Amino acid sequence: METELLEQWLKDKFAHREGSLRESATDKLEWKKNTGGMIMRAGITVTLNPSVEFTISVLEDGIESGYVSGAINGVLTELVGKPMYAMSDIEVVISDFQIDEVGSSYVAFYWESA
């Protein structure tokens, strides 16, 4: 349900200004924030595939909902905020969460990636 609302929001927001992808791409993304007393880290692998519409999925079970929501936020920030045109006709697959018990925090996804 949450993903459906997100997909519709992206379609409405970028109906006239969007980019697409010609071939699949996979990359590891890492977010890191030093807050003075603690370093917050979060990492994932993201695969982008050409598609006729925007979809996003998470291919890992047992991940805390806060990490999943944070990862989706981080990926959307990268796709919508960084390129010249927002990427909307793509399939996004999130996998391989890099979670370290000491330094990982879902909050790190809410900052710019490293």
PDB file of N, CA and C in Angstrom:
ATOM      1  N   MET A   1       0.833  -1.197   0.000  1.00  0.00           N
ATOM      2  CA  MET A   1       0.000   0.000   0.000  1.00  0.00           C
ATOM      3  C   MET A   1       0.874   1.256   0.000  1.00  0.00           C
ATOM      4  N   GLU A   2       1.871   1.303   0.905  1.00  0.00           N
ATOM      5  CA  GLU A   2       2.757   2.460   0.991  1.00  0.00           C
ATOM      6  C   GLU A   2       3.503   2.659  -0.331  1.00  0.00           C
ATOM      7  N   THR A   3       3.954   1.568  -0.949  1.00  0.00           N
ATOM      8  CA  THR A   3       4.675   1.645  -2.217  1.00  0.00           C
ATOM      9  C   THR A   3       3.770   2.153  -3.331  1.00  0.00           C
ATOM     10  N   GLU A   4       2.502   1.738  -3.340  1.00  0.00           N
ATOM     11  CA  GLU A   4       1.563   2.199  -4.356  1.00  0.00           C
ATOM     12  C   GLU A   4       1.360   3.708  -4.269  1.00  0.00           C
ATOM     13  N   LEU A   5       1.224   4.236  -3.069  1.00  0.00           N
ATOM     14  CA  LEU A   5       1.076   5.681  -2.886  1.00  0.00           C
ATOM     15  C   LEU A   5       2.323   6.417  -3.364  1.00  0.00           C
ATOM     16  N   LEU A   6       3.480   5.868  -3.046  1.00  0.00           N
ATOM     17  CA  LEU A   6       4.739   6.456  -3.465  1.00  0.00           C
ATOM     18  C   LEU A   6       4.854   6.466  -4.987  1.00  0.00           C
ATOM     19  N   GLU A   7       4.508   5.359  -5.624  1.00  0.00           N
ATOM     20  CA  GLU A   7       4.563   5.277  -7.081  1.00  0.00           C
ATOM     21  C   GLU A   7       3.640   6.313  -7.722  1.00  0.00           C
ATOM     22  N   GLN A   8       2.440   6.464  -7.195  1.00  0.00           N
ATOM     23  CA  GLN A   8       1.495   7.435  -7.746  1.00  0.00           C
ATOM     24  C   GLN A   8       1.995   8.861  -7.541  1.00  0.00           C
ATOM     25  N   TRP A   9       2.552   9.140  -6.376  1.00  0.00           N
ATOM     26  CA  TRP A   9       3.091  10.464  -6.098  1.00  0.00           C
ATOM     27  C   TRP A   9       4.190  10.809  -7.096  1.00  0.00           C
ATOM     28  N   LEU A  10       5.108   9.865  -7.354  1.00  0.00           N
ATOM     29  CA  LEU A  10       6.181  10.116  -8.305  1.00  0.00           C
ATOM     30  C   LEU A  10       5.644  10.348  -9.707  1.00  0.00           C
ATOM     31  N   LYS A  11       4.657   9.554 -10.115  1.00  0.00           N
ATOM     32  CA  LYS A  11       4.061   9.734 -11.447  1.00  0.00           C
ATOM     33  C   LYS A  11       3.458  11.125 -11.584  1.00  0.00           C
ATOM     34  N   ASP A  12       2.721  11.557 -10.579  1.00  0.00           N
ATOM     35  CA  ASP A  12       2.086  12.876 -10.617  1.00  0.00           C
ATOM     36  C   ASP A  12       3.120  14.001 -10.591  1.00  0.00           C
ATOM     37  N   LYS A  13       4.126  13.867  -9.727  1.00  0.00           N
ATOM     38  CA  LYS A  13       5.104  14.933  -9.539  1.00  0.00           C
ATOM     39  C   LYS A  13       5.997  15.133 -10.762  1.00  0.00           C
ATOM     40  N   PHE A  14       6.342  14.054 -11.438  1.00  0.00           N
ATOM     41  CA  PHE A  14       7.311  14.145 -12.521  1.00  0.00           C
ATOM     42  C   PHE A  14       6.722  13.765 -13.871  1.00  0.00           C
ATOM     43  N   ALA A  15       5.445  14.016 -14.051  1.00  0.00           N
ATOM     44  CA  ALA A  15       4.767  13.633 -15.286  1.00  0.00           C
ATOM     45  C   ALA A  15       5.367  14.318 -16.513  1.00  0.00           C
ATOM     46  N   HIS A  16       5.896  15.518 -16.376  1.00  0.00           N
ATOM     47  CA  HIS A  16       6.394  16.254 -17.534  1.00  0.00           C
ATOM     48  C   HIS A  16       7.897  16.511 -17.502  1.00  0.00           C
ATOM     49  N   ARG A  17       8.552  16.067 -16.486  1.00  0.00           N
ATOM     50  CA  ARG A  17       9.996  16.299 -16.376  1.00  0.00           C
ATOM     51  C   ARG A  17      10.634  15.060 -15.761  1.00  0.00           C
ATOM     52  N   GLU A  18      10.955  14.106 -16.598  1.00  0.00           N
ATOM     53  CA  GLU A  18      11.504  12.872 -16.065  1.00  0.00           C
ATOM     54  C   GLU A  18      12.556  12.295 -16.989  1.00  0.00           C
ATOM     55  N   GLY A  19      13.410  11.457 -16.437  1.00  0.00           N
ATOM     56  CA  GLY A  19      14.426  10.769 -17.210  1.00  0.00           C
ATOM     57  C   GLY A  19      14.159   9.276 -17.167  1.00  0.00           C
ATOM     58  N   SER A  20      14.825   8.566 -18.020  1.00  0.00           N
ATOM     59  CA  SER A  20      14.689   7.116 -18.016  1.00  0.00           C
ATOM     60  C   SER A  20      16.084   6.502 -18.084  1.00  0.00           C
ATOM     61  N   LEU A  21      16.124   5.217 -18.059  1.00  0.00           N
ATOM     62  CA  LEU A  21      17.373   4.478 -18.005  1.00  0.00           C
ATOM     63  C   LEU A  21      17.460   3.593 -19.240  1.00  0.00           C
ATOM     64  N   ARG A  22      18.611   3.550 -19.868  1.00  0.00           N
ATOM     65  CA  ARG A  22      18.769   2.744 -21.091  1.00  0.00           C
ATOM     66  C   ARG A  22      19.209   1.321 -20.794  1.00  0.00           C
ATOM     67  N   GLU A  23      20.007   1.131 -19.728  1.00  0.00           N
ATOM     68  CA  GLU A  23      20.465  -0.211 -19.383  1.00  0.00           C
ATOM     69  C   GLU A  23      20.554  -0.348 -17.875  1.00  0.00           C
ATOM     70  N   SER A  24      20.556  -1.582 -17.420  1.00  0.00           N
ATOM     71  CA  SER A  24      20.601  -1.851 -15.987  1.00  0.00           C
ATOM     72  C   SER A  24      21.930  -1.399 -15.382  1.00  0.00           C
ATOM     73  N   ALA A  25      21.859  -1.003 -14.126  1.00  0.00           N
ATOM     74  CA  ALA A  25      23.058  -0.580 -13.403  1.00  0.00           C
ATOM     75  C   ALA A  25      22.932  -1.001 -11.947  1.00  0.00           C
ATOM     76  N   THR A  26      24.031  -1.442 -11.362  1.00  0.00           N
ATOM     77  CA  THR A  26      24.060  -1.832  -9.953  1.00  0.00           C
ATOM     78  C   THR A  26      25.180  -1.074  -9.271  1.00  0.00           C
ATOM     79  N   ASP A  27      24.894  -0.584  -8.059  1.00  0.00           N
ATOM     80  CA  ASP A  27      25.904   0.163  -7.323  1.00  0.00           C
ATOM     81  C   ASP A  27      25.682  -0.023  -5.832  1.00  0.00           C
ATOM     82  N   LYS A  28      26.772   0.043  -5.081  1.00  0.00           N
ATOM     83  CA  LYS A  28      26.675   0.038  -3.620  1.00  0.00           C
ATOM     84  C   LYS A  28      26.657   1.495  -3.171  1.00  0.00           C
ATOM     85  N   LEU A  29      25.697   1.836  -2.354  1.00  0.00           N
ATOM     86  CA  LEU A  29      25.596   3.195  -1.821  1.00  0.00           C
ATOM     87  C   LEU A  29      25.871   3.162  -0.328  1.00  0.00           C
ATOM     88  N   GLU A  30      26.561   4.176   0.159  1.00  0.00           N
ATOM     89  CA  GLU A  30      26.827   4.275   1.582  1.00  0.00           C
ATOM     90  C   GLU A  30      26.521   5.679   2.060  1.00  0.00           C
ATOM     91  N   TRP A  31      25.855   5.760   3.175  1.00  0.00           N
ATOM     92  CA  TRP A  31      25.577   7.030   3.829  1.00  0.00           C
ATOM     93  C   TRP A  31      26.359   7.031   5.129  1.00  0.00           C
ATOM     94  N   LYS A  32      26.941   8.175   5.455  1.00  0.00           N
ATOM     95  CA  LYS A  32      27.753   8.281   6.668  1.00  0.00           C
ATOM     96  C   LYS A  32      27.606   9.683   7.226  1.00  0.00           C
ATOM     97  N   LYS A  33      27.340   9.783   8.495  1.00  0.00           N
ATOM     98  CA  LYS A  33      27.193  11.087   9.144  1.00  0.00           C
ATOM     99  C   LYS A  33      27.895  11.049  10.497  1.00  0.00           C
ATOM    100  N   ASN A  34      28.812  11.981  10.697  1.00  0.00           N
ATOM    101  CA  ASN A  34      29.493  12.108  11.979  1.00  0.00           C
ATOM    102  C   ASN A  34      28.747  13.161  12.778  1.00  0.00           C
ATOM    103  N   THR A  35      28.141  12.763  13.883  1.00  0.00           N
ATOM    104  CA  THR A  35      27.360  13.694  14.689  1.00  0.00           C
ATOM    105  C   THR A  35      28.160  14.268  15.851  1.00  0.00           C
ATOM    106  N   GLY A  36      29.456  13.996  15.874  1.00  0.00           N
ATOM    107  CA  GLY A  36      30.280  14.489  16.971  1.00  0.00           C
ATOM    108  C   GLY A  36      30.586  13.380  17.956  1.00  0.00           C
ATOM    109  N   GLY A  37      29.580  12.747  18.490  1.00  0.00           N
ATOM    110  CA  GLY A  37      29.791  11.670  19.448  1.00  0.00           C
ATOM    111  C   GLY A  37      29.575  10.295  18.846  1.00  0.00           C
ATOM    112  N   MET A  38      29.044  10.248  17.639  1.00  0.00           N
ATOM    113  CA  MET A  38      28.724   8.962  17.027  1.00  0.00           C
ATOM    114  C   MET A  38      28.793   9.091  15.501  1.00  0.00           C
ATOM    115  N   ILE A  39      29.266   8.040  14.867  1.00  0.00           N
ATOM    116  CA  ILE A  39      29.241   8.003  13.410  1.00  0.00           C
ATOM    117  C   ILE A  39      28.106   7.073  13.007  1.00  0.00           C
ATOM    118  N   MET A  40      27.144   7.624  12.270  1.00  0.00           N
ATOM    119  CA  MET A  40      26.018   6.819  11.806  1.00  0.00           C
ATOM    120  C   MET A  40      26.296   6.373  10.385  1.00  0.00           C
ATOM    121  N   ARG A  41      26.120   5.074  10.130  1.00  0.00           N
ATOM    122  CA  ARG A  41      26.382   4.511   8.813  1.00  0.00           C
ATOM    123  C   ARG A  41      25.209   3.678   8.355  1.00  0.00           C
ATOM    124  N   ALA A  42      25.061   3.634   7.057  1.00  0.00           N
ATOM    125  CA  ALA A  42      24.069   2.745   6.457  1.00  0.00           C
ATOM    126  C   ALA A  42      24.527   2.462   5.033  1.00  0.00           C
ATOM    127  N   GLY A  43      24.337   1.254   4.582  1.00  0.00           N
ATOM    128  CA  GLY A  43      24.741   0.911   3.233  1.00  0.00           C
ATOM    129  C   GLY A  43      23.787  -0.096   2.612  1.00  0.00           C
ATOM    130  N   ILE A  44      23.655  -0.026   1.293  1.00  0.00           N
ATOM    131  CA  ILE A  44      22.798  -0.939   0.547  1.00  0.00           C
ATOM    132  C   ILE A  44      23.375  -1.125  -0.854  1.00  0.00           C
ATOM    133  N   THR A  45      22.879  -2.131  -1.534  1.00  0.00           N
ATOM    134  CA  THR A  45      23.147  -2.287  -2.954  1.00  0.00           C
ATOM    135  C   THR A  45      21.858  -1.965  -3.681  1.00  0.00           C
ATOM    136  N   VAL A  46      21.962  -1.152  -4.730  1.00  0.00           N
ATOM    137  CA  VAL A  46      20.791  -0.750  -5.500  1.00  0.00           C
ATOM    138  C   VAL A  46      21.000  -1.156  -6.952  1.00  0.00           C
ATOM    139  N   THR A  47      19.993  -1.804  -7.516  1.00  0.00           N
ATOM    140  CA  THR A  47      19.999  -2.134  -8.930  1.00  0.00           C
ATOM    141  C   THR A  47      18.876  -1.354  -9.591  1.00  0.00           C
ATOM    142  N   LEU A  48      19.205  -0.656 -10.666  1.00  0.00           N
ATOM    143  CA  LEU A  48      18.230   0.101 -11.444  1.00  0.00           C
ATOM    144  C   LEU A  48      18.067  -0.589 -12.789  1.00  0.00           C
ATOM    145  N   ASN A  49      16.822  -0.855 -13.165  1.00  0.00           N
ATOM    146  CA  ASN A  49      16.514  -1.494 -14.437  1.00  0.00           C
ATOM    147  C   ASN A  49      15.551  -0.619 -15.228  1.00  0.00           C
ATOM    148  N   PRO A  50      15.681  -0.607 -16.561  1.00  0.00           N
ATOM    149  CA  PRO A  50      14.704   0.120 -17.372  1.00  0.00           C
ATOM    150  C   PRO A  50      13.310  -0.468 -17.136  1.00  0.00           C
ATOM    151  N   SER A  51      12.303   0.381 -17.172  1.00  0.00           N
ATOM    152  CA  SER A  51      10.933  -0.065 -16.939  1.00  0.00           C
ATOM    153  C   SER A  51       9.978   0.924 -17.602  1.00  0.00           C
ATOM    154  N   VAL A  52       8.734   0.532 -17.741  1.00  0.00           N
ATOM    155  CA  VAL A  52       7.732   1.446 -18.301  1.00  0.00           C
ATOM    156  C   VAL A  52       7.089   2.296 -17.217  1.00  0.00           C
ATOM    157  N   GLU A  53       7.329   1.945 -15.947  1.00  0.00           N
ATOM    158  CA  GLU A  53       6.806   2.718 -14.827  1.00  0.00           C
ATOM    159  C   GLU A  53       7.735   2.570 -13.635  1.00  0.00           C
ATOM    160  N   PHE A  54       7.551   3.412 -12.640  1.00  0.00           N
ATOM    161  CA  PHE A  54       8.383   3.362 -11.446  1.00  0.00           C
ATOM    162  C   PHE A  54       7.917   2.239 -10.526  1.00  0.00           C
ATOM    163  N   THR A  55       8.857   1.390 -10.109  1.00  0.00           N
ATOM    164  CA  THR A  55       8.592   0.388  -9.070  1.00  0.00           C
ATOM    165  C   THR A  55       9.801   0.339  -8.157  1.00  0.00           C
ATOM    166  N   ILE A  56       9.553  -0.021  -6.918  1.00  0.00           N
ATOM    167  CA  ILE A  56      10.644  -0.165  -5.952  1.00  0.00           C
ATOM    168  C   ILE A  56      10.371  -1.407  -5.121  1.00  0.00           C
ATOM    169  N   SER A  57      11.409  -2.216  -4.906  1.00  0.00           N
ATOM    170  CA  SER A  57      11.241  -3.428  -4.109  1.00  0.00           C
ATOM    171  C   SER A  57      12.490  -3.668  -3.270  1.00  0.00           C
ATOM    172  N   VAL A  58      12.303  -4.391  -2.182  1.00  0.00           N
ATOM    173  CA  VAL A  58      13.395  -4.736  -1.276  1.00  0.00           C
ATOM    174  C   VAL A  58      13.533  -6.248  -1.288  1.00  0.00           C
ATOM    175  N   LEU A  59      14.719  -6.742  -1.630  1.00  0.00           N
ATOM    176  CA  LEU A  59      14.940  -8.174  -1.756  1.00  0.00           C
ATOM    177  C   LEU A  59      15.660  -8.774  -0.567  1.00  0.00           C
ATOM    178  N   GLU A  60      15.326  -8.342   0.606  1.00  0.00           N
ATOM    179  CA  GLU A  60      15.981  -8.886   1.782  1.00  0.00           C
ATOM    180  C   GLU A  60      14.963  -8.994   2.906  1.00  0.00           C
ATOM    181  N   ASP A  61      14.873 -10.170   3.487  1.00  0.00           N
ATOM    182  CA  ASP A  61      13.939 -10.398   4.591  1.00  0.00           C
ATOM    183  C   ASP A  61      14.628 -10.136   5.930  1.00  0.00           C
ATOM    184  N   GLY A  62      13.822  -9.866   6.937  1.00  0.00           N
ATOM    185  CA  GLY A  62      14.333  -9.721   8.286  1.00  0.00           C
ATOM    186  C   GLY A  62      14.990  -8.387   8.585  1.00  0.00           C
ATOM    187  N   ILE A  63      14.819  -7.409   7.715  1.00  0.00           N
ATOM    188  CA  ILE A  63      15.395  -6.081   7.964  1.00  0.00           C
ATOM    189  C   ILE A  63      14.349  -5.234   8.667  1.00  0.00           C
ATOM    190  N   GLU A  64      14.768  -4.558   9.711  1.00  0.00           N
ATOM    191  CA  GLU A  64      13.894  -3.670  10.482  1.00  0.00           C
ATOM    192  C   GLU A  64      13.177  -2.676   9.572  1.00  0.00           C
ATOM    193  N   SER A  65      11.924  -2.393   9.861  1.00  0.00           N
ATOM    194  CA  SER A  65      11.142  -1.487   9.010  1.00  0.00           C
ATOM    195  C   SER A  65      11.760  -0.092   8.933  1.00  0.00           C
ATOM    196  N   GLY A  66      12.407   0.354   9.999  1.00  0.00           N
ATOM    197  CA  GLY A  66      13.076   1.657   9.977  1.00  0.00           C
ATOM    198  C   GLY A  66      14.184   1.701   8.935  1.00  0.00           C
ATOM    199  N   TYR A  67      14.937   0.607   8.799  1.00  0.00           N
ATOM    200  CA  TYR A  67      15.989   0.548   7.783  1.00  0.00           C
ATOM    201  C   TYR A  67      15.392   0.527   6.387  1.00  0.00           C
ATOM    202  N   VAL A  68      14.314  -0.224   6.197  1.00  0.00           N
ATOM    203  CA  VAL A  68      13.678  -0.297   4.877  1.00  0.00           C
ATOM    204  C   VAL A  68      13.156   1.081   4.485  1.00  0.00           C
ATOM    205  N   SER A  69      12.430   1.750   5.380  1.00  0.00           N
ATOM    206  CA  SER A  69      11.912   3.095   5.092  1.00  0.00           C
ATOM    207  C   SER A  69      13.045   4.080   4.835  1.00  0.00           C
ATOM    208  N   GLY A  70      14.089   4.009   5.650  1.00  0.00           N
ATOM    209  CA  GLY A  70      15.238   4.886   5.467  1.00  0.00           C
ATOM    210  C   GLY A  70      15.935   4.644   4.134  1.00  0.00           C
ATOM    211  N   ALA A  71      16.075   3.374   3.760  1.00  0.00           N
ATOM    212  CA  ALA A  71      16.716   3.037   2.483  1.00  0.00           C
ATOM    213  C   ALA A  71      15.901   3.566   1.314  1.00  0.00           C
ATOM    214  N   ILE A  72      14.591   3.392   1.376  1.00  0.00           N
ATOM    215  CA  ILE A  72      13.719   3.913   0.312  1.00  0.00           C
ATOM    216  C   ILE A  72      13.864   5.425   0.226  1.00  0.00           C
ATOM    217  N   ASN A  73      13.875   6.104   1.372  1.00  0.00           N
ATOM    218  CA  ASN A  73      14.051   7.557   1.396  1.00  0.00           C
ATOM    219  C   ASN A  73      15.393   7.948   0.775  1.00  0.00           C
ATOM    220  N   GLY A  74      16.449   7.265   1.158  1.00  0.00           N
ATOM    221  CA  GLY A  74      17.772   7.589   0.636  1.00  0.00           C
ATOM    222  C   GLY A  74      17.861   7.403  -0.871  1.00  0.00           C
ATOM    223  N   VAL A  75      17.296   6.306  -1.368  1.00  0.00           N
ATOM    224  CA  VAL A  75      17.327   6.048  -2.808  1.00  0.00           C
ATOM    225  C   VAL A  75      16.501   7.092  -3.556  1.00  0.00           C
ATOM    226  N   LEU A  76      15.321   7.416  -3.043  1.00  0.00           N
ATOM    227  CA  LEU A  76      14.487   8.425  -3.699  1.00  0.00           C
ATOM    228  C   LEU A  76      15.167   9.785  -3.717  1.00  0.00           C
ATOM    229  N   THR A  77      15.841  10.135  -2.643  1.00  0.00           N
ATOM    230  CA  THR A  77      16.572  11.400  -2.593  1.00  0.00           C
ATOM    231  C   THR A  77      17.645  11.431  -3.681  1.00  0.00           C
ATOM    232  N   GLU A  78      18.343  10.325  -3.859  1.00  0.00           N
ATOM    233  CA  GLU A  78      19.379  10.248  -4.891  1.00  0.00           C
ATOM    234  C   GLU A  78      18.768  10.340  -6.290  1.00  0.00           C
ATOM    235  N   LEU A  79      17.663   9.640  -6.530  1.00  0.00           N
ATOM    236  CA  LEU A  79      17.063   9.594  -7.869  1.00  0.00           C
ATOM    237  C   LEU A  79      16.344  10.884  -8.247  1.00  0.00           C
ATOM    238  N   VAL A  80      15.715  11.514  -7.277  1.00  0.00           N
ATOM    239  CA  VAL A  80      14.913  12.699  -7.551  1.00  0.00           C
ATOM    240  C   VAL A  80      15.752  13.968  -7.426  1.00  0.00           C
ATOM    241  N   GLY A  81      16.672  14.006  -6.473  1.00  0.00           N
ATOM    242  CA  GLY A  81      17.387  15.237  -6.182  1.00  0.00           C
ATOM    243  C   GLY A  81      18.693  15.447  -6.903  1.00  0.00           C
ATOM    244  N   LYS A  82      19.354  14.399  -7.355  1.00  0.00           N
ATOM    245  CA  LYS A  82      20.696  14.544  -7.917  1.00  0.00           C
ATOM    246  C   LYS A  82      20.744  14.714  -9.434  1.00  0.00           C
ATOM    247  N   PRO A  83      20.050  13.889 -10.214  1.00  0.00           N
ATOM    248  CA  PRO A  83      20.194  14.033 -11.670  1.00  0.00           C
ATOM    249  C   PRO A  83      19.540  15.306 -12.200  1.00  0.00           C
ATOM    250  N   MET A  84      19.888  15.666 -13.423  1.00  0.00           N
ATOM    251  CA  MET A  84      19.283  16.831 -14.047  1.00  0.00           C
ATOM    252  C   MET A  84      17.773  16.635 -14.181  1.00  0.00           C
ATOM    253  N   TYR A  85      17.373  15.432 -14.536  1.00  0.00           N
ATOM    254  CA  TYR A  85      15.958  15.090 -14.612  1.00  0.00           C
ATOM    255  C   TYR A  85      15.699  13.944 -13.651  1.00  0.00           C
ATOM    256  N   ALA A  86      14.617  14.021 -12.925  1.00  0.00           N
ATOM    257  CA  ALA A  86      14.272  12.958 -11.984  1.00  0.00           C
ATOM    258  C   ALA A  86      14.070  11.649 -12.740  1.00  0.00           C
ATOM    259  N   MET A  87      14.550  10.572 -12.159  1.00  0.00           N
ATOM    260  CA  MET A  87      14.408   9.259 -12.777  1.00  0.00           C
ATOM    261  C   MET A  87      13.087   8.650 -12.323  1.00  0.00           C
ATOM    262  N   SER A  88      12.168   8.413 -13.250  1.00  0.00           N
ATOM    263  CA  SER A  88      10.887   7.860 -12.829  1.00  0.00           C
ATOM    264  C   SER A  88      10.488   6.591 -13.561  1.00  0.00           C
ATOM    265  N   ASP A  89      10.949   6.358 -14.774  1.00  0.00           N
ATOM    266  CA  ASP A  89      10.589   5.137 -15.495  1.00  0.00           C
ATOM    267  C   ASP A  89      11.637   4.064 -15.265  1.00  0.00           C
ATOM    268  N   ILE A  90      11.752   3.639 -14.019  1.00  0.00           N
ATOM    269  CA  ILE A  90      12.750   2.641 -13.664  1.00  0.00           C
ATOM    270  C   ILE A  90      12.202   1.673 -12.623  1.00  0.00           C
ATOM    271  N   GLU A  91      12.830   0.523 -12.559  1.00  0.00           N
ATOM    272  CA  GLU A  91      12.576  -0.444 -11.494  1.00  0.00           C
ATOM    273  C   GLU A  91      13.769  -0.350 -10.548  1.00  0.00           C
ATOM    274  N   VAL A  92      13.506  -0.121  -9.282  1.00  0.00           N
ATOM    275  CA  VAL A  92      14.555  -0.012  -8.266  1.00  0.00           C
ATOM    276  C   VAL A  92      14.493  -1.257  -7.390  1.00  0.00           C
ATOM    277  N   VAL A  93      15.628  -1.939  -7.255  1.00  0.00           N
ATOM    278  CA  VAL A  93      15.707  -3.119  -6.399  1.00  0.00           C
ATOM    279  C   VAL A  93      16.765  -2.842  -5.336  1.00  0.00           C
ATOM    280  N   ILE A  94      16.344  -2.860  -4.079  1.00  0.00           N
ATOM    281  CA  ILE A  94      17.242  -2.613  -2.948  1.00  0.00           C
ATOM    282  C   ILE A  94      17.591  -3.956  -2.316  1.00  0.00           C
ATOM    283  N   SER A  95      18.882  -4.184  -2.099  1.00  0.00           N
ATOM    284  CA  SER A  95      19.312  -5.453  -1.493  1.00  0.00           C
ATOM    285  C   SER A  95      20.597  -5.230  -0.703  1.00  0.00           C
ATOM    286  N   ASP A  96      21.096  -6.290  -0.114  1.00  0.00           N
ATOM    287  CA  ASP A  96      22.395  -6.309   0.562  1.00  0.00           C
ATOM    288  C   ASP A  96      22.581  -5.148   1.536  1.00  0.00           C
ATOM    289  N   PHE A  97      21.710  -5.092   2.538  1.00  0.00           N
ATOM    290  CA  PHE A  97      21.849  -4.072   3.581  1.00  0.00           C
ATOM    291  C   PHE A  97      23.142  -4.328   4.346  1.00  0.00           C
ATOM    292  N   GLN A  98      23.993  -3.317   4.466  1.00  0.00           N
ATOM    293  CA  GLN A  98      25.214  -3.435   5.258  1.00  0.00           C
ATOM    294  C   GLN A  98      24.927  -2.840   6.638  1.00  0.00           C
ATOM    295  N   ILE A  99      24.652  -3.717   7.568  1.00  0.00           N
ATOM    296  CA  ILE A  99      24.290  -3.279   8.911  1.00  0.00           C
ATOM    297  C   ILE A  99      25.347  -3.769   9.888  1.00  0.00           C
ATOM    298  N   ASP A 100      25.911  -2.834  10.627  1.00  0.00           N
ATOM    299  CA  ASP A 100      26.930  -3.111  11.626  1.00  0.00           C
ATOM    300  C   ASP A 100      26.301  -2.747  12.970  1.00  0.00           C
ATOM    301  N   GLU A 101      26.377  -3.643  13.903  1.00  0.00           N
ATOM    302  CA  GLU A 101      25.704  -3.434  15.201  1.00  0.00           C
ATOM    303  C   GLU A 101      26.165  -2.167  15.910  1.00  0.00           C
ATOM    304  N   VAL A 102      27.407  -1.768  15.742  1.00  0.00           N
ATOM    305  CA  VAL A 102      27.928  -0.617  16.471  1.00  0.00           C
ATOM    306  C   VAL A 102      27.640   0.705  15.767  1.00  0.00           C
ATOM    307  N   GLY A 103      27.952   0.798  14.470  1.00  0.00           N
ATOM    308  CA  GLY A 103      27.887   2.088  13.808  1.00  0.00           C
ATOM    309  C   GLY A 103      26.714   2.300  12.872  1.00  0.00           C
ATOM    310  N   SER A 104      25.875   1.291  12.677  1.00  0.00           N
ATOM    311  CA  SER A 104      24.779   1.451  11.728  1.00  0.00           C
ATOM    312  C   SER A 104      23.579   2.133  12.357  1.00  0.00           C
ATOM    313  N   SER A 105      22.933   2.944  11.538  1.00  0.00           N
ATOM    314  CA  SER A 105      21.705   3.596  11.974  1.00  0.00           C
ATOM    315  C   SER A 105      20.861   3.917  10.754  1.00  0.00           C
ATOM    316  N   TYR A 106      19.576   3.619  10.835  1.00  0.00           N
ATOM    317  CA  TYR A 106      18.688   3.944   9.723  1.00  0.00           C
ATOM    318  C   TYR A 106      18.627   5.457   9.488  1.00  0.00           C
ATOM    319  N   VAL A 107      18.935   6.245  10.504  1.00  0.00           N
ATOM    320  CA  VAL A 107      18.905   7.702  10.403  1.00  0.00           C
ATOM    321  C   VAL A 107      19.919   8.194   9.366  1.00  0.00           C
ATOM    322  N   ALA A 108      20.995   7.439   9.171  1.00  0.00           N
ATOM    323  CA  ALA A 108      22.027   7.850   8.211  1.00  0.00           C
ATOM    324  C   ALA A 108      21.464   7.981   6.800  1.00  0.00           C
ATOM    325  N   PHE A 109      20.441   7.205   6.454  1.00  0.00           N
ATOM    326  CA  PHE A 109      19.856   7.282   5.113  1.00  0.00           C
ATOM    327  C   PHE A 109      19.236   8.649   4.821  1.00  0.00           C
ATOM    328  N   TYR A 110      18.974   9.430   5.861  1.00  0.00           N
ATOM    329  CA  TYR A 110      18.333  10.724   5.676  1.00  0.00           C
ATOM    330  C   TYR A 110      19.314  11.852   5.382  1.00  0.00           C
ATOM    331  N   TRP A 111      20.606  11.534   5.262  1.00  0.00           N
ATOM    332  CA  TRP A 111      21.598  12.507   4.838  1.00  0.00           C
ATOM    333  C   TRP A 111      22.063  12.147   3.442  1.00  0.00           C
ATOM    334  N   GLU A 112      22.842  13.032   2.811  1.00  0.00           N
ATOM    335  CA  GLU A 112      23.389  12.752   1.490  1.00  0.00           C
ATOM    336  C   GLU A 112      24.323  11.569   1.537  1.00  0.00           C
ATOM    337  N   SER A 113      24.334  10.795   0.464  1.00  0.00           N
ATOM    338  CA  SER A 113      25.223   9.633   0.418  1.00  0.00           C
ATOM    339  C   SER A 113      26.676  10.090   0.319  1.00  0.00           C
ATOM    340  N   ALA A 114      27.552   9.226   0.766  1.00  0.00           N
ATOM    341  CA  ALA A 114      28.994   9.530   0.776  1.00  0.00           C
ATOM    342  C   ALA A 114      29.589   9.403  -0.608  1.00  0.00           C
TER     343      ALA A 114
END
